[in-house]
Amino acid sequence: MDAGLQRRAAERLARFPGFLRVNGFGTAGGDAVQALRAAERTGVLDQDVLRWSLKALLCRRGDEWQRFDELFDA
């Protein structure tokens, strides 16, 4: 993967848990690190695998699970 693309993807992923918190999710501060690790293991460019990995990692309640896809797509 291009280094610039990889850096931009990592920056967006690092901000994603904060974006979820602003939208009422109960994610914790350390979740950004976990999100980046999940992306490394699953492959940042495999959107479906990344979506399901982050959903499992960052959703703590049923209502968060239901709203996650809309926020991930945003």
N, C-alpha and C. Protein backbone atom coordinates (compact mmCIF):
# COMPACT_ATOMS: atom_id res chain seq x y z
N MET A 1 0.84 -1.17 0.00
CA MET A 1 0.00 0.00 0.00
C MET A 1 0.89 1.24 0.00
N ASP A 2 0.50 2.24 -0.73
CA ASP A 2 1.19 3.52 -0.79
C ASP A 2 1.33 4.10 0.62
N ALA A 3 2.50 4.62 0.95
CA ALA A 3 2.77 5.13 2.30
C ALA A 3 1.83 6.29 2.66
N GLY A 4 1.55 7.17 1.71
CA GLY A 4 0.64 8.28 1.97
C GLY A 4 -0.78 7.80 2.25
N LEU A 5 -1.23 6.85 1.47
CA LEU A 5 -2.56 6.28 1.68
C LEU A 5 -2.64 5.57 3.03
N GLN A 6 -1.59 4.85 3.36
CA GLN A 6 -1.56 4.14 4.63
C GLN A 6 -1.61 5.13 5.80
N ARG A 7 -0.88 6.23 5.70
CA ARG A 7 -0.88 7.24 6.75
C ARG A 7 -2.26 7.88 6.91
N ARG A 8 -2.89 8.23 5.80
CA ARG A 8 -4.23 8.84 5.86
C ARG A 8 -5.25 7.87 6.45
N ALA A 9 -5.17 6.61 6.06
CA ALA A 9 -6.08 5.61 6.60
C ALA A 9 -5.88 5.46 8.10
N ALA A 10 -4.62 5.43 8.54
CA ALA A 10 -4.33 5.30 9.97
C ALA A 10 -4.85 6.51 10.74
N GLU A 11 -4.72 7.70 10.18
CA GLU A 11 -5.22 8.90 10.84
C GLU A 11 -6.74 8.86 11.00
N ARG A 12 -7.43 8.44 9.95
CA ARG A 12 -8.90 8.34 10.03
C ARG A 12 -9.33 7.30 11.04
N LEU A 13 -8.64 6.17 11.04
CA LEU A 13 -8.98 5.12 12.00
C LEU A 13 -8.71 5.56 13.43
N ALA A 14 -7.65 6.30 13.65
CA ALA A 14 -7.33 6.77 14.99
C ALA A 14 -8.40 7.74 15.51
N ARG A 15 -9.03 8.48 14.62
CA ARG A 15 -10.09 9.43 15.01
C ARG A 15 -11.46 8.77 15.11
N PHE A 16 -11.62 7.58 14.53
CA PHE A 16 -12.94 6.96 14.46
C PHE A 16 -13.57 6.70 15.83
N PRO A 17 -12.87 6.16 16.83
CA PRO A 17 -13.50 5.97 18.14
C PRO A 17 -14.00 7.29 18.75
N GLY A 18 -13.27 8.38 18.57
CA GLY A 18 -13.73 9.69 19.04
C GLY A 18 -15.00 10.12 18.34
N PHE A 19 -15.07 9.86 17.04
CA PHE A 19 -16.28 10.16 16.26
C PHE A 19 -17.46 9.38 16.82
N LEU A 20 -17.23 8.11 17.16
CA LEU A 20 -18.31 7.30 17.75
C LEU A 20 -18.72 7.87 19.11
N ARG A 21 -17.76 8.30 19.94
CA ARG A 21 -18.08 8.87 21.25
C ARG A 21 -18.96 10.11 21.10
N VAL A 22 -18.63 10.97 20.15
CA VAL A 22 -19.42 12.18 19.91
C VAL A 22 -20.85 11.80 19.52
N ASN A 23 -21.02 10.63 18.93
CA ASN A 23 -22.34 10.16 18.51
C ASN A 23 -22.98 9.22 19.52
N GLY A 24 -22.53 9.30 20.78
CA GLY A 24 -23.20 8.60 21.86
C GLY A 24 -22.71 7.20 22.18
N PHE A 25 -21.63 6.76 21.55
CA PHE A 25 -21.10 5.43 21.84
C PHE A 25 -20.26 5.49 23.11
N GLY A 26 -20.16 4.37 23.81
CA GLY A 26 -19.40 4.30 25.04
C GLY A 26 -17.98 3.82 24.83
N THR A 27 -17.36 4.16 23.72
CA THR A 27 -15.99 3.71 23.45
C THR A 27 -15.02 4.41 24.40
N ALA A 28 -13.91 3.76 24.67
CA ALA A 28 -12.90 4.28 25.60
C ALA A 28 -11.74 4.90 24.83
N GLY A 29 -10.91 5.64 25.53
CA GLY A 29 -9.78 6.31 24.91
C GLY A 29 -8.81 5.36 24.24
N GLY A 30 -8.57 4.19 24.81
CA GLY A 30 -7.63 3.22 24.25
C GLY A 30 -8.16 2.52 23.02
N ASP A 31 -9.41 2.76 22.68
CA ASP A 31 -10.00 2.08 21.53
C ASP A 31 -9.36 2.49 20.21
N ALA A 32 -8.76 3.67 20.14
CA ALA A 32 -8.09 4.07 18.90
C ALA A 32 -6.92 3.15 18.60
N VAL A 33 -6.18 2.80 19.62
CA VAL A 33 -5.05 1.87 19.43
C VAL A 33 -5.56 0.51 18.99
N GLN A 34 -6.60 0.04 19.63
CA GLN A 34 -7.18 -1.25 19.25
C GLN A 34 -7.72 -1.22 17.83
N ALA A 35 -8.31 -0.10 17.43
CA ALA A 35 -8.82 0.01 16.07
C ALA A 35 -7.69 -0.08 15.05
N LEU A 36 -6.58 0.59 15.35
CA LEU A 36 -5.42 0.53 14.44
C LEU A 36 -4.85 -0.88 14.38
N ARG A 37 -4.80 -1.56 15.50
CA ARG A 37 -4.31 -2.94 15.50
C ARG A 37 -5.23 -3.86 14.71
N ALA A 38 -6.53 -3.66 14.85
CA ALA A 38 -7.49 -4.47 14.09
C ALA A 38 -7.31 -4.23 12.60
N ALA A 39 -7.08 -2.97 12.22
CA ALA A 39 -6.88 -2.65 10.81
C ALA A 39 -5.61 -3.30 10.27
N GLU A 40 -4.56 -3.30 11.08
CA GLU A 40 -3.31 -3.95 10.67
C GLU A 40 -3.52 -5.44 10.43
N ARG A 41 -4.25 -6.09 11.33
CA ARG A 41 -4.45 -7.54 11.22
C ARG A 41 -5.39 -7.91 10.10
N THR A 42 -6.40 -7.07 9.84
CA THR A 42 -7.41 -7.44 8.87
C THR A 42 -7.16 -6.88 7.48
N GLY A 43 -6.39 -5.83 7.38
CA GLY A 43 -6.15 -5.18 6.10
C GLY A 43 -7.05 -3.97 5.94
N VAL A 44 -6.47 -2.81 5.97
CA VAL A 44 -7.22 -1.56 5.93
C VAL A 44 -8.11 -1.46 4.70
N LEU A 45 -7.66 -1.99 3.58
CA LEU A 45 -8.43 -1.81 2.35
C LEU A 45 -9.54 -2.83 2.17
N ASP A 46 -9.64 -3.82 3.03
CA ASP A 46 -10.74 -4.78 2.98
C ASP A 46 -11.86 -4.23 3.85
N GLN A 47 -12.71 -3.41 3.25
CA GLN A 47 -13.71 -2.64 3.99
C GLN A 47 -14.66 -3.54 4.78
N ASP A 48 -15.11 -4.64 4.21
CA ASP A 48 -16.06 -5.49 4.92
C ASP A 48 -15.44 -6.12 6.17
N VAL A 49 -14.24 -6.64 6.03
CA VAL A 49 -13.57 -7.26 7.18
C VAL A 49 -13.27 -6.21 8.24
N LEU A 50 -12.83 -5.03 7.83
CA LEU A 50 -12.54 -3.96 8.78
C LEU A 50 -13.82 -3.51 9.49
N ARG A 51 -14.91 -3.38 8.74
CA ARG A 51 -16.20 -2.98 9.32
C ARG A 51 -16.61 -3.95 10.44
N TRP A 52 -16.59 -5.24 10.14
CA TRP A 52 -17.03 -6.23 11.12
C TRP A 52 -16.07 -6.30 12.31
N SER A 53 -14.78 -6.13 12.06
CA SER A 53 -13.80 -6.17 13.14
C SER A 53 -14.01 -4.99 14.09
N LEU A 54 -14.16 -3.79 13.53
CA LEU A 54 -14.36 -2.60 14.36
C LEU A 54 -15.72 -2.64 15.06
N LYS A 55 -16.71 -3.17 14.38
CA LYS A 55 -18.04 -3.28 14.99
C LYS A 55 -17.98 -4.17 16.22
N ALA A 56 -17.31 -5.30 16.10
CA ALA A 56 -17.18 -6.22 17.23
C ALA A 56 -16.36 -5.59 18.35
N LEU A 57 -15.36 -4.81 18.00
CA LEU A 57 -14.45 -4.21 18.98
C LEU A 57 -15.06 -3.00 19.69
N LEU A 58 -15.80 -2.17 18.96
CA LEU A 58 -16.20 -0.87 19.49
C LEU A 58 -17.64 -0.77 19.95
N CYS A 59 -18.48 -1.72 19.59
CA CYS A 59 -19.89 -1.66 20.00
C CYS A 59 -20.08 -2.42 21.31
N ARG A 60 -20.62 -1.73 22.28
CA ARG A 60 -20.81 -2.34 23.60
C ARG A 60 -22.26 -2.60 23.93
N ARG A 61 -23.17 -2.01 23.19
CA ARG A 61 -24.61 -2.18 23.46
C ARG A 61 -25.33 -2.44 22.14
N GLY A 62 -26.52 -3.00 22.24
CA GLY A 62 -27.30 -3.32 21.07
C GLY A 62 -27.62 -2.11 20.21
N ASP A 63 -27.93 -0.97 20.85
CA ASP A 63 -28.24 0.22 20.06
C ASP A 63 -27.03 0.71 19.29
N GLU A 64 -25.82 0.53 19.87
CA GLU A 64 -24.60 0.91 19.15
C GLU A 64 -24.40 0.00 17.94
N TRP A 65 -24.64 -1.27 18.12
CA TRP A 65 -24.52 -2.25 17.03
C TRP A 65 -25.42 -1.85 15.86
N GLN A 66 -26.65 -1.43 16.18
CA GLN A 66 -27.61 -1.07 15.14
C GLN A 66 -27.21 0.21 14.40
N ARG A 67 -26.56 1.13 15.07
CA ARG A 67 -26.21 2.42 14.46
C ARG A 67 -24.82 2.44 13.84
N PHE A 68 -24.02 1.44 14.12
CA PHE A 68 -22.62 1.45 13.71
C PHE A 68 -22.43 1.60 12.20
N ASP A 69 -23.14 0.82 11.41
CA ASP A 69 -22.92 0.82 9.95
C ASP A 69 -23.11 2.21 9.34
N GLU A 70 -24.12 2.93 9.80
CA GLU A 70 -24.35 4.28 9.27
C GLU A 70 -23.17 5.21 9.59
N LEU A 71 -22.65 5.10 10.81
CA LEU A 71 -21.52 5.94 11.20
C LEU A 71 -20.23 5.49 10.52
N PHE A 72 -20.04 4.20 10.35
CA PHE A 72 -18.86 3.70 9.63
C PHE A 72 -18.87 4.23 8.20
N ASP A 73 -20.02 4.21 7.55
CA ASP A 73 -20.11 4.69 6.17
C ASP A 73 -19.91 6.20 6.07
N ALA A 74 -20.26 6.93 7.16
CA ALA A 74 -20.07 8.39 7.15
C ALA A 74 -18.58 8.71 7.14
